[in-house]
N, C-alpha and C. Protein backbone atom coordinates (compact mmCIF):
# COMPACT_ATOMS: atom_id res chain seq x y z
N MET A 1 -38.70 -51.41 70.84
CA MET A 1 -37.86 -50.29 71.15
C MET A 1 -38.00 -49.91 72.62
N GLU A 2 -36.91 -49.59 73.23
CA GLU A 2 -36.94 -49.23 74.65
C GLU A 2 -37.74 -47.95 74.88
N SER A 3 -37.64 -47.00 73.96
CA SER A 3 -38.39 -45.75 74.13
C SER A 3 -39.89 -46.01 74.08
N ASP A 4 -40.33 -46.95 73.26
CA ASP A 4 -41.75 -47.31 73.23
C ASP A 4 -42.21 -47.85 74.58
N GLN A 5 -41.38 -48.66 75.21
CA GLN A 5 -41.71 -49.23 76.51
C GLN A 5 -41.81 -48.14 77.59
N ILE A 6 -40.92 -47.18 77.53
CA ILE A 6 -40.93 -46.08 78.50
C ILE A 6 -42.21 -45.26 78.33
N VAL A 7 -42.53 -44.93 77.08
CA VAL A 7 -43.75 -44.15 76.81
C VAL A 7 -44.98 -44.91 77.27
N GLU A 8 -45.04 -46.18 76.97
CA GLU A 8 -46.19 -47.00 77.38
C GLU A 8 -46.34 -47.02 78.90
N ALA A 9 -45.23 -47.18 79.61
CA ALA A 9 -45.27 -47.22 81.08
C ALA A 9 -45.74 -45.88 81.65
N LEU A 10 -45.27 -44.79 81.09
CA LEU A 10 -45.68 -43.46 81.56
C LEU A 10 -47.16 -43.23 81.30
N ARG A 11 -47.62 -43.62 80.13
CA ARG A 11 -49.04 -43.43 79.80
C ARG A 11 -49.94 -44.29 80.68
N LYS A 12 -49.49 -45.48 81.02
CA LYS A 12 -50.26 -46.34 81.92
C LYS A 12 -50.41 -45.69 83.30
N LYS A 13 -49.45 -44.84 83.67
CA LYS A 13 -49.51 -44.14 84.95
C LYS A 13 -50.24 -42.81 84.84
N GLY A 14 -50.83 -42.57 83.66
CA GLY A 14 -51.61 -41.36 83.47
C GLY A 14 -50.83 -40.13 83.08
N GLN A 15 -49.56 -40.31 82.73
CA GLN A 15 -48.72 -39.17 82.35
C GLN A 15 -48.95 -38.81 80.88
N THR A 16 -48.91 -37.53 80.60
CA THR A 16 -48.96 -37.07 79.22
C THR A 16 -47.55 -37.15 78.65
N VAL A 17 -47.43 -37.75 77.49
CA VAL A 17 -46.11 -37.94 76.89
C VAL A 17 -46.10 -37.34 75.48
N GLU A 18 -45.17 -36.46 75.23
CA GLU A 18 -44.95 -35.92 73.89
C GLU A 18 -43.91 -36.84 73.25
N TYR A 19 -44.27 -37.48 72.13
CA TYR A 19 -43.40 -38.51 71.57
C TYR A 19 -43.46 -38.44 70.05
N LEU A 20 -42.32 -38.24 69.43
CA LEU A 20 -42.23 -38.20 67.98
C LEU A 20 -41.46 -39.41 67.49
N ILE A 21 -41.95 -40.00 66.43
CA ILE A 21 -41.25 -41.12 65.79
C ILE A 21 -41.04 -40.78 64.32
N PHE A 22 -39.82 -40.89 63.88
CA PHE A 22 -39.49 -40.68 62.47
C PHE A 22 -39.02 -42.03 61.92
N GLN A 23 -39.84 -42.64 61.10
CA GLN A 23 -39.56 -43.99 60.61
C GLN A 23 -38.28 -44.07 59.77
N ASP A 24 -37.90 -42.95 59.15
CA ASP A 24 -36.74 -42.97 58.26
C ASP A 24 -35.46 -42.44 58.93
N GLN A 25 -35.46 -42.39 60.27
CA GLN A 25 -34.30 -41.87 61.00
C GLN A 25 -33.86 -42.83 62.08
N GLY A 26 -32.62 -42.70 62.46
CA GLY A 26 -32.10 -43.44 63.60
C GLY A 26 -32.01 -42.48 64.77
N HIS A 27 -30.84 -42.39 65.37
CA HIS A 27 -30.65 -41.52 66.53
C HIS A 27 -30.41 -40.06 66.14
N ASP A 28 -30.02 -39.82 64.91
CA ASP A 28 -29.74 -38.47 64.45
C ASP A 28 -30.84 -37.99 63.52
N PHE A 29 -31.00 -36.67 63.43
CA PHE A 29 -31.97 -36.08 62.52
C PHE A 29 -31.22 -35.60 61.28
N LEU A 30 -31.04 -36.48 60.32
CA LEU A 30 -30.32 -36.13 59.10
C LEU A 30 -31.26 -35.57 58.05
N ASN A 31 -32.52 -35.97 58.08
CA ASN A 31 -33.51 -35.48 57.13
C ASN A 31 -33.95 -34.08 57.56
N PRO A 32 -33.73 -33.07 56.73
CA PRO A 32 -34.08 -31.69 57.12
C PRO A 32 -35.56 -31.51 57.49
N ALA A 33 -36.46 -32.20 56.82
CA ALA A 33 -37.88 -32.08 57.14
C ALA A 33 -38.17 -32.62 58.54
N ASN A 34 -37.52 -33.71 58.92
CA ASN A 34 -37.69 -34.27 60.26
C ASN A 34 -37.10 -33.34 61.31
N ARG A 35 -35.96 -32.77 60.99
CA ARG A 35 -35.31 -31.84 61.92
C ARG A 35 -36.21 -30.63 62.18
N LEU A 36 -36.81 -30.10 61.12
CA LEU A 36 -37.71 -28.96 61.26
C LEU A 36 -38.93 -29.34 62.10
N GLN A 37 -39.52 -30.50 61.84
CA GLN A 37 -40.67 -30.95 62.62
C GLN A 37 -40.29 -31.12 64.09
N PHE A 38 -39.11 -31.65 64.36
CA PHE A 38 -38.64 -31.82 65.73
C PHE A 38 -38.52 -30.47 66.44
N PHE A 39 -37.87 -29.51 65.78
CA PHE A 39 -37.68 -28.20 66.42
C PHE A 39 -39.01 -27.46 66.59
N GLU A 40 -39.94 -27.65 65.68
CA GLU A 40 -41.27 -27.07 65.86
C GLU A 40 -41.96 -27.67 67.09
N ALA A 41 -41.81 -28.98 67.28
CA ALA A 41 -42.40 -29.64 68.45
C ALA A 41 -41.72 -29.15 69.74
N VAL A 42 -40.43 -28.95 69.70
CA VAL A 42 -39.70 -28.43 70.87
C VAL A 42 -40.21 -27.03 71.21
N GLU A 43 -40.40 -26.20 70.20
CA GLU A 43 -40.90 -24.84 70.43
C GLU A 43 -42.29 -24.86 71.08
N VAL A 44 -43.18 -25.71 70.59
CA VAL A 44 -44.52 -25.84 71.17
C VAL A 44 -44.41 -26.30 72.62
N PHE A 45 -43.57 -27.29 72.88
CA PHE A 45 -43.38 -27.82 74.22
C PHE A 45 -42.87 -26.74 75.18
N LEU A 46 -41.84 -26.01 74.76
CA LEU A 46 -41.27 -24.98 75.62
C LEU A 46 -42.26 -23.85 75.88
N ASN A 47 -42.99 -23.46 74.86
CA ASN A 47 -44.01 -22.42 75.05
C ASN A 47 -45.10 -22.89 76.02
N LYS A 48 -45.45 -24.15 75.92
CA LYS A 48 -46.49 -24.70 76.79
C LYS A 48 -46.04 -24.70 78.26
N TYR A 49 -44.82 -25.12 78.51
CA TYR A 49 -44.37 -25.30 79.88
C TYR A 49 -43.57 -24.13 80.45
N LEU A 50 -43.00 -23.30 79.60
CA LEU A 50 -42.24 -22.16 80.08
C LEU A 50 -42.92 -20.84 79.78
N GLY A 51 -43.78 -20.86 78.78
CA GLY A 51 -44.50 -19.65 78.39
C GLY A 51 -43.59 -18.64 77.74
N LYS A 52 -44.20 -17.59 77.27
CA LYS A 52 -43.43 -16.50 76.64
C LYS A 52 -43.71 -15.23 77.35
């Protein structure tokens, strides 16, 4: 997967990468549980970098 290669290259350069993989999904989040997990991760990310 191209995204795996990008993440690997960034990590080799010492970058922290937030990366989620949903084995049962393609490009869209059709599974409600995956969608919820994605939005929870987005919330954590935004709070970390933008604060509240």
